[in-house]
Amino acid sequence: MWIKICGMTTPEALEAAVGAGADAVGFVFAESVRRVSAQRAAVLAEAVRGKMRCVAVTRHPGQNEIDEILAVLRPDVLQSDAADLERLRLPQQLERLPVLRGAGGALPPRVLFEGTVSGVGQTCDWSAAAEAARRSELVLAGGLDPVNVAAAIAAVRPFGVDVSSGVEARPGLKDPLAIERFVKAARMGCAAVQEPT
């Protein structure tokens, strides 16, 4: 189970993500209470670089913004709506995580599936996500938290899960204990669906 903690804004949140064993952290550059500058993201990322994947999270960015993010943060992965990734000039070696906001159509090898609005705790359509998860390595996002992530994994059978607002003490500020609980619940939920019945 690949686990991403998104919307990083503090060293404490990053330390909690590393300690809990998450696989990736996201730095948000789209309009959000979690938005950080490329410079701030680069400073935060130094503590975790090489320990987990650093993901630049954008939505409808301009080429100049992307160029700055790539030069300053040097992310491992760029996450944005699929249409954004198609129109941007990006280095060939840069890993991409396209965001899908509904069912249907051809799927890339790996996709992040979430609701129509990001970062507001809105749960996506799990049945549509489950159908897509049979055709792609699907990272499930949207409205996940330590309480419902195991049920989400059982319903969708995703490759990974992504959480932001579900592990916050208040909007934009992560709760280290909630990060730990989320990762533990996700790992347990993954183990439960892999057990023979």
C-alpha atoms as a PDB file:
ATOM      1  CA  MET A   1       0.000   0.000   0.000  1.00  0.00           C
ATOM      2  CA  TRP A   2       1.518   3.278  -1.204  1.00  0.00           C
ATOM      3  CA  ILE A   3       0.653   6.116   1.217  1.00  0.00           C
ATOM      4  CA  LYS A   4       0.935   9.836   0.516  1.00  0.00           C
ATOM      5  CA  ILE A   5       0.414  12.599   3.077  1.00  0.00           C
ATOM      6  CA  CYS A   6      -0.457  15.759   1.168  1.00  0.00           C
ATOM      7  CA  GLY A   7      -0.424  19.456   2.019  1.00  0.00           C
ATOM      8  CA  MET A   8       2.792  19.618   4.023  1.00  0.00           C
ATOM      9  CA  THR A   9       3.453  22.978   5.679  1.00  0.00           C
ATOM     10  CA  THR A  10       5.583  22.250   8.783  1.00  0.00           C
ATOM     11  CA  PRO A  11       8.718  20.289   9.730  1.00  0.00           C
ATOM     12  CA  GLU A  12       6.694  18.491  12.428  1.00  0.00           C
ATOM     13  CA  ALA A  13       4.275  17.098   9.838  1.00  0.00           C
ATOM     14  CA  LEU A  14       7.141  15.843   7.689  1.00  0.00           C
ATOM     15  CA  GLU A  15       8.820  14.237  10.688  1.00  0.00           C
ATOM     16  CA  ALA A  16       5.549  12.480  11.530  1.00  0.00           C
ATOM     17  CA  ALA A  17       5.160  11.231   7.953  1.00  0.00           C
ATOM     18  CA  VAL A  18       8.677   9.778   7.944  1.00  0.00           C
ATOM     19  CA  GLY A  19       8.217   8.257  11.402  1.00  0.00           C
ATOM     20  CA  ALA A  20       4.907   6.665  10.444  1.00  0.00           C
ATOM     21  CA  GLY A  21       6.397   5.099   7.321  1.00  0.00           C
ATOM     22  CA  ALA A  22       4.520   7.015   4.626  1.00  0.00           C
ATOM     23  CA  ASP A  23       5.846   6.636   1.088  1.00  0.00           C
ATOM     24  CA  ALA A  24       5.354  10.183  -0.200  1.00  0.00           C
ATOM     25  CA  VAL A  25       4.571  13.736   0.852  1.00  0.00           C
ATOM     26  CA  GLY A  26       2.830  16.404  -1.183  1.00  0.00           C
ATOM     27  CA  PHE A  27       3.550  20.127  -1.389  1.00  0.00           C
ATOM     28  CA  VAL A  28       0.561  22.114  -2.653  1.00  0.00           C
ATOM     29  CA  PHE A  29       0.994  24.903  -5.206  1.00  0.00           C
ATOM     30  CA  ALA A  30      -2.694  25.203  -6.153  1.00  0.00           C
ATOM     31  CA  GLU A  31      -5.078  27.661  -4.435  1.00  0.00           C
ATOM     32  CA  SER A  32      -5.397  26.274  -0.903  1.00  0.00           C
ATOM     33  CA  VAL A  33      -4.803  27.051   2.778  1.00  0.00           C
ATOM     34  CA  ARG A  34      -1.950  24.538   2.372  1.00  0.00           C
ATOM     35  CA  ARG A  35      -0.279  26.415  -0.461  1.00  0.00           C
ATOM     36  CA  VAL A  36       3.468  26.941  -0.087  1.00  0.00           C
ATOM     37  CA  SER A  37       6.042  28.734  -2.200  1.00  0.00           C
ATOM     38  CA  ALA A  38       8.589  26.736  -4.169  1.00  0.00           C
ATOM     39  CA  GLN A  39      11.278  28.087  -1.838  1.00  0.00           C
ATOM     40  CA  ARG A  40       9.405  27.019   1.305  1.00  0.00           C
ATOM     41  CA  ALA A  41       8.690  23.577  -0.152  1.00  0.00           C
ATOM     42  CA  ALA A  42      12.367  23.121  -1.014  1.00  0.00           C
ATOM     43  CA  VAL A  43      13.417  23.954   2.556  1.00  0.00           C
ATOM     44  CA  LEU A  44      10.838  21.538   4.019  1.00  0.00           C
ATOM     45  CA  ALA A  45      11.708  18.792   1.527  1.00  0.00           C
ATOM     46  CA  GLU A  46      15.396  18.744   2.489  1.00  0.00           C
ATOM     47  CA  ALA A  47      14.566  16.827   5.674  1.00  0.00           C
ATOM     48  CA  VAL A  48      12.874  13.969   3.802  1.00  0.00           C
ATOM     49  CA  ARG A  49      14.635  13.886   0.448  1.00  0.00           C
ATOM     50  CA  GLY A  50      15.826  10.360  -0.277  1.00  0.00           C
ATOM     51  CA  LYS A  51      13.547   8.926   2.436  1.00  0.00           C
ATOM     52  CA  MET A  52      10.268   9.336   0.551  1.00  0.00           C
ATOM     53  CA  ARG A  53       8.894  10.729  -2.714  1.00  0.00           C
ATOM     54  CA  CYS A  54       8.399  14.510  -2.834  1.00  0.00           C
ATOM     55  CA  VAL A  55       5.324  15.375  -4.886  1.00  0.00           C
ATOM     56  CA  ALA A  56       4.560  18.825  -6.325  1.00  0.00           C
ATOM     57  CA  VAL A  57       0.766  19.180  -6.350  1.00  0.00           C
ATOM     58  CA  THR A  58      -0.647  21.646  -8.885  1.00  0.00           C
ATOM     59  CA  ARG A  59      -3.875  22.348 -10.717  1.00  0.00           C
ATOM     60  CA  HIS A  60      -3.996  24.219 -14.034  1.00  0.00           C
ATOM     61  CA  PRO A  61      -0.511  25.725 -13.578  1.00  0.00           C
ATOM     62  CA  GLY A  62       1.181  27.962 -16.104  1.00  0.00           C
ATOM     63  CA  GLN A  63       4.477  26.910 -17.678  1.00  0.00           C
ATOM     64  CA  ASN A  64       6.428  29.598 -15.782  1.00  0.00           C
ATOM     65  CA  GLU A  65       5.085  28.342 -12.448  1.00  0.00           C
ATOM     66  CA  ILE A  66       6.000  24.762 -13.315  1.00  0.00           C
ATOM     67  CA  ASP A  67       9.478  25.794 -14.440  1.00  0.00           C
ATOM     68  CA  GLU A  68      10.056  27.499 -11.073  1.00  0.00           C
ATOM     69  CA  ILE A  69       8.747  24.514  -9.080  1.00  0.00           C
ATOM     70  CA  LEU A  70      10.952  22.102 -11.017  1.00  0.00           C
ATOM     71  CA  ALA A  71      14.043  24.298 -10.655  1.00  0.00           C
ATOM     72  CA  VAL A  72      13.600  25.187  -6.974  1.00  0.00           C
ATOM     73  CA  LEU A  73      11.878  22.165  -5.387  1.00  0.00           C
ATOM     74  CA  ARG A  74      13.199  19.490  -7.774  1.00  0.00           C
ATOM     75  CA  PRO A  75      10.233  17.181  -7.041  1.00  0.00           C
ATOM     76  CA  ASP A  76      10.284  13.446  -7.681  1.00  0.00           C
ATOM     77  CA  VAL A  77       6.701  13.548  -8.949  1.00  0.00           C
ATOM     78  CA  LEU A  78       4.399  16.153 -10.500  1.00  0.00           C
ATOM     79  CA  GLN A  79       0.702  15.749  -9.682  1.00  0.00           C
ATOM     80  CA  SER A  80      -1.871  17.683 -11.706  1.00  0.00           C
ATOM     81  CA  ASP A  81      -5.035  17.130 -13.714  1.00  0.00           C
ATOM     82  CA  ALA A  82      -4.372  14.857 -16.685  1.00  0.00           C
ATOM     83  CA  ALA A  83      -5.078  17.641 -19.192  1.00  0.00           C
ATOM     84  CA  ASP A  84      -2.489  19.867 -17.474  1.00  0.00           C
ATOM     85  CA  LEU A  85       0.222  17.238 -17.826  1.00  0.00           C
ATOM     86  CA  GLU A  86      -0.495  16.865 -21.540  1.00  0.00           C
ATOM     87  CA  ARG A  87      -0.030  20.568 -22.336  1.00  0.00           C
ATOM     88  CA  LEU A  88       2.997  21.349 -20.153  1.00  0.00           C
ATOM     89  CA  ARG A  89       6.615  21.026 -21.269  1.00  0.00           C
ATOM     90  CA  LEU A  90       8.102  18.614 -18.736  1.00  0.00           C
ATOM     91  CA  PRO A  91      11.408  16.748 -18.413  1.00  0.00           C
ATOM     92  CA  GLN A  92      11.058  13.236 -19.779  1.00  0.00           C
ATOM     93  CA  GLN A  93      12.429  11.655 -16.591  1.00  0.00           C
ATOM     94  CA  LEU A  94       9.938  13.452 -14.303  1.00  0.00           C
ATOM     95  CA  GLU A  95       7.394  11.052 -12.837  1.00  0.00           C
ATOM     96  CA  ARG A  96       3.797  12.169 -13.382  1.00  0.00           C
ATOM     97  CA  LEU A  97       0.696  11.481 -11.289  1.00  0.00           C
ATOM     98  CA  PRO A  98      -2.376  12.503 -13.303  1.00  0.00           C
ATOM     99  CA  VAL A  99      -5.529  13.372 -11.346  1.00  0.00           C
ATOM    100  CA  LEU A 100      -8.797  11.806 -12.484  1.00  0.00           C
ATOM    101  CA  ARG A 101     -12.020  13.345 -11.154  1.00  0.00           C
ATOM    102  CA  GLY A 102     -14.537  10.914 -12.617  1.00  0.00           C
ATOM    103  CA  ALA A 103     -14.995   7.542 -14.270  1.00  0.00           C
ATOM    104  CA  GLY A 104     -14.619   6.546 -17.894  1.00  0.00           C
ATOM    105  CA  GLY A 105     -12.067   6.760 -20.660  1.00  0.00           C
ATOM    106  CA  ALA A 106      -8.592   5.383 -21.053  1.00  0.00           C
ATOM    107  CA  LEU A 107      -6.419   5.354 -17.961  1.00  0.00           C
ATOM    108  CA  PRO A 108      -2.686   5.943 -17.591  1.00  0.00           C
ATOM    109  CA  PRO A 109      -0.638   3.266 -15.775  1.00  0.00           C
ATOM    110  CA  ARG A 110      -1.001   5.158 -12.460  1.00  0.00           C
ATOM    111  CA  VAL A 111      -3.655   7.730 -11.570  1.00  0.00           C
ATOM    112  CA  LEU A 112      -4.872   9.662  -8.531  1.00  0.00           C
ATOM    113  CA  PHE A 113      -8.656   9.409  -8.253  1.00  0.00           C
ATOM    114  CA  GLU A 114     -10.571  12.005  -6.259  1.00  0.00           C
ATOM    115  CA  GLY A 115     -13.684  14.158  -6.188  1.00  0.00           C
ATOM    116  CA  THR A 116     -14.376  17.300  -8.173  1.00  0.00           C
ATOM    117  CA  VAL A 117     -12.776  19.549  -5.541  1.00  0.00           C
ATOM    118  CA  SER A 118      -9.423  18.838  -3.874  1.00  0.00           C
ATOM    119  CA  GLY A 119      -8.469  19.350  -0.239  1.00  0.00           C
ATOM    120  CA  VAL A 120     -11.927  19.890   1.229  1.00  0.00           C
ATOM    121  CA  GLY A 121     -12.604  16.458   2.705  1.00  0.00           C
ATOM    122  CA  GLN A 122     -15.075  15.480  -0.020  1.00  0.00           C
ATOM    123  CA  THR A 123     -15.312  11.712  -0.498  1.00  0.00           C
ATOM    124  CA  CYS A 124     -15.178  10.563  -4.103  1.00  0.00           C
ATOM    125  CA  ASP A 125     -17.320   7.862  -5.731  1.00  0.00           C
ATOM    126  CA  TRP A 126     -15.798   4.661  -4.345  1.00  0.00           C
ATOM    127  CA  SER A 127     -17.660   2.405  -6.793  1.00  0.00           C
ATOM    128  CA  ALA A 128     -16.295   4.348  -9.780  1.00  0.00           C
ATOM    129  CA  ALA A 129     -12.859   4.309  -8.141  1.00  0.00           C
ATOM    130  CA  ALA A 130     -13.060   0.533  -7.676  1.00  0.00           C
ATOM    131  CA  GLU A 131     -13.850   0.064 -11.363  1.00  0.00           C
ATOM    132  CA  ALA A 132     -10.885   2.248 -12.334  1.00  0.00           C
ATOM    133  CA  ALA A 133      -8.635   0.426  -9.815  1.00  0.00           C
ATOM    134  CA  ARG A 134      -9.111  -2.772 -11.816  1.00  0.00           C
ATOM    135  CA  ARG A 135      -7.546  -1.059 -14.857  1.00  0.00           C
ATOM    136  CA  SER A 136      -4.789   1.103 -13.354  1.00  0.00           C
ATOM    137  CA  GLU A 137      -2.604   1.581 -10.287  1.00  0.00           C
ATOM    138  CA  LEU A 138      -5.102   3.848  -8.567  1.00  0.00           C
ATOM    139  CA  VAL A 139      -4.245   6.166  -5.675  1.00  0.00           C
ATOM    140  CA  LEU A 140      -7.489   6.931  -3.829  1.00  0.00           C
ATOM    141  CA  ALA A 141      -7.936  10.454  -2.453  1.00  0.00           C
ATOM    142  CA  GLY A 142     -10.762  12.641  -1.202  1.00  0.00           C
ATOM    143  CA  GLY A 143     -12.324  12.593   2.256  1.00  0.00           C
ATOM    144  CA  LEU A 144     -10.076   9.897   3.700  1.00  0.00           C
ATOM    145  CA  ASP A 145      -9.167   9.885   7.393  1.00  0.00           C
ATOM    146  CA  PRO A 146      -7.927   7.403  10.036  1.00  0.00           C
ATOM    147  CA  VAL A 147     -11.495   6.198  10.678  1.00  0.00           C
ATOM    148  CA  ASN A 148     -12.633   5.423   7.109  1.00  0.00           C
ATOM    149  CA  VAL A 149      -9.429   4.530   5.277  1.00  0.00           C
ATOM    150  CA  ALA A 150      -9.658   0.786   5.987  1.00  0.00           C
ATOM    151  CA  ALA A 151     -13.231   0.696   4.648  1.00  0.00           C
ATOM    152  CA  ALA A 152     -12.129   2.656   1.588  1.00  0.00           C
ATOM    153  CA  ILE A 153      -9.334   0.169   0.914  1.00  0.00           C
ATOM    154  CA  ALA A 154     -11.751  -2.759   1.279  1.00  0.00           C
ATOM    155  CA  ALA A 155     -14.237  -1.134  -1.119  1.00  0.00           C
ATOM    156  CA  VAL A 156     -11.828   0.127  -3.778  1.00  0.00           C
ATOM    157  CA  ARG A 157      -8.724  -2.119  -3.553  1.00  0.00           C
ATOM    158  CA  PRO A 158      -6.452   0.774  -4.560  1.00  0.00           C
ATOM    159  CA  PHE A 159      -2.719   0.725  -5.199  1.00  0.00           C
ATOM    160  CA  GLY A 160      -2.399   3.604  -2.730  1.00  0.00           C
ATOM    161  CA  VAL A 161      -4.171   6.213  -0.624  1.00  0.00           C
ATOM    162  CA  ASP A 162      -3.691   9.963  -0.256  1.00  0.00           C
ATOM    163  CA  VAL A 163      -4.805  12.103   2.686  1.00  0.00           C
ATOM    164  CA  SER A 164      -4.711  15.819   3.449  1.00  0.00           C
ATOM    165  CA  SER A 165      -7.524  17.433   5.440  1.00  0.00           C
ATOM    166  CA  GLY A 166      -8.308  14.115   7.180  1.00  0.00           C
ATOM    167  CA  VAL A 167      -5.130  14.352   9.276  1.00  0.00           C
ATOM    168  CA  GLU A 168      -5.302  18.009  10.281  1.00  0.00           C
ATOM    169  CA  ALA A 169      -5.754  19.701  13.640  1.00  0.00           C
ATOM    170  CA  ARG A 170      -7.131  22.680  11.715  1.00  0.00           C
ATOM    171  CA  PRO A 171      -7.142  23.603   8.011  1.00  0.00           C
ATOM    172  CA  GLY A 172      -3.565  23.731   6.789  1.00  0.00           C
ATOM    173  CA  LEU A 173      -1.965  22.356   9.975  1.00  0.00           C
ATOM    174  CA  LYS A 174      -1.275  18.632  10.156  1.00  0.00           C
ATOM    175  CA  ASP A 175      -1.731  16.649  13.367  1.00  0.00           C
ATOM    176  CA  PRO A 176       1.294  14.328  13.792  1.00  0.00           C
ATOM    177  CA  LEU A 177      -0.730  11.776  15.792  1.00  0.00           C
ATOM    178  CA  ALA A 178      -3.442  11.703  13.127  1.00  0.00           C
ATOM    179  CA  ILE A 179      -0.779  11.059  10.463  1.00  0.00           C
ATOM    180  CA  GLU A 180       0.498   8.120  12.511  1.00  0.00           C
ATOM    181  CA  ARG A 181      -3.035   6.747  13.003  1.00  0.00           C
ATOM    182  CA  PHE A 182      -3.836   7.125   9.301  1.00  0.00           C
ATOM    183  CA  VAL A 183      -0.751   5.247   8.117  1.00  0.00           C
ATOM    184  CA  LYS A 184      -1.342   2.473  10.665  1.00  0.00           C
ATOM    185  CA  ALA A 185      -5.015   2.145   9.697  1.00  0.00           C
ATOM    186  CA  ALA A 186      -4.131   2.063   5.991  1.00  0.00           C
ATOM    187  CA  ARG A 187      -1.512  -0.665   6.497  1.00  0.00           C
ATOM    188  CA  MET A 188      -3.970  -2.706   8.579  1.00  0.00           C
ATOM    189  CA  GLY A 189      -6.701  -2.192   5.993  1.00  0.00           C
ATOM    190  CA  CYS A 190      -4.374  -3.397   3.256  1.00  0.00           C
ATOM    191  CA  ALA A 191      -3.391  -6.466   5.249  1.00  0.00           C
ATOM    192  CA  ALA A 192      -7.056  -7.284   5.880  1.00  0.00           C
ATOM    193  CA  VAL A 193      -7.978  -7.351   2.175  1.00  0.00           C
ATOM    194  CA  GLN A 194      -4.961  -9.529   1.384  1.00  0.00           C
ATOM    195  CA  GLU A 195      -5.835 -12.204   3.953  1.00  0.00           C
ATOM    196  CA  PRO A 196      -7.404 -15.347   2.464  1.00  0.00           C
ATOM    197  CA  THR A 197     -11.087 -15.700   3.339  1.00  0.00           C
END
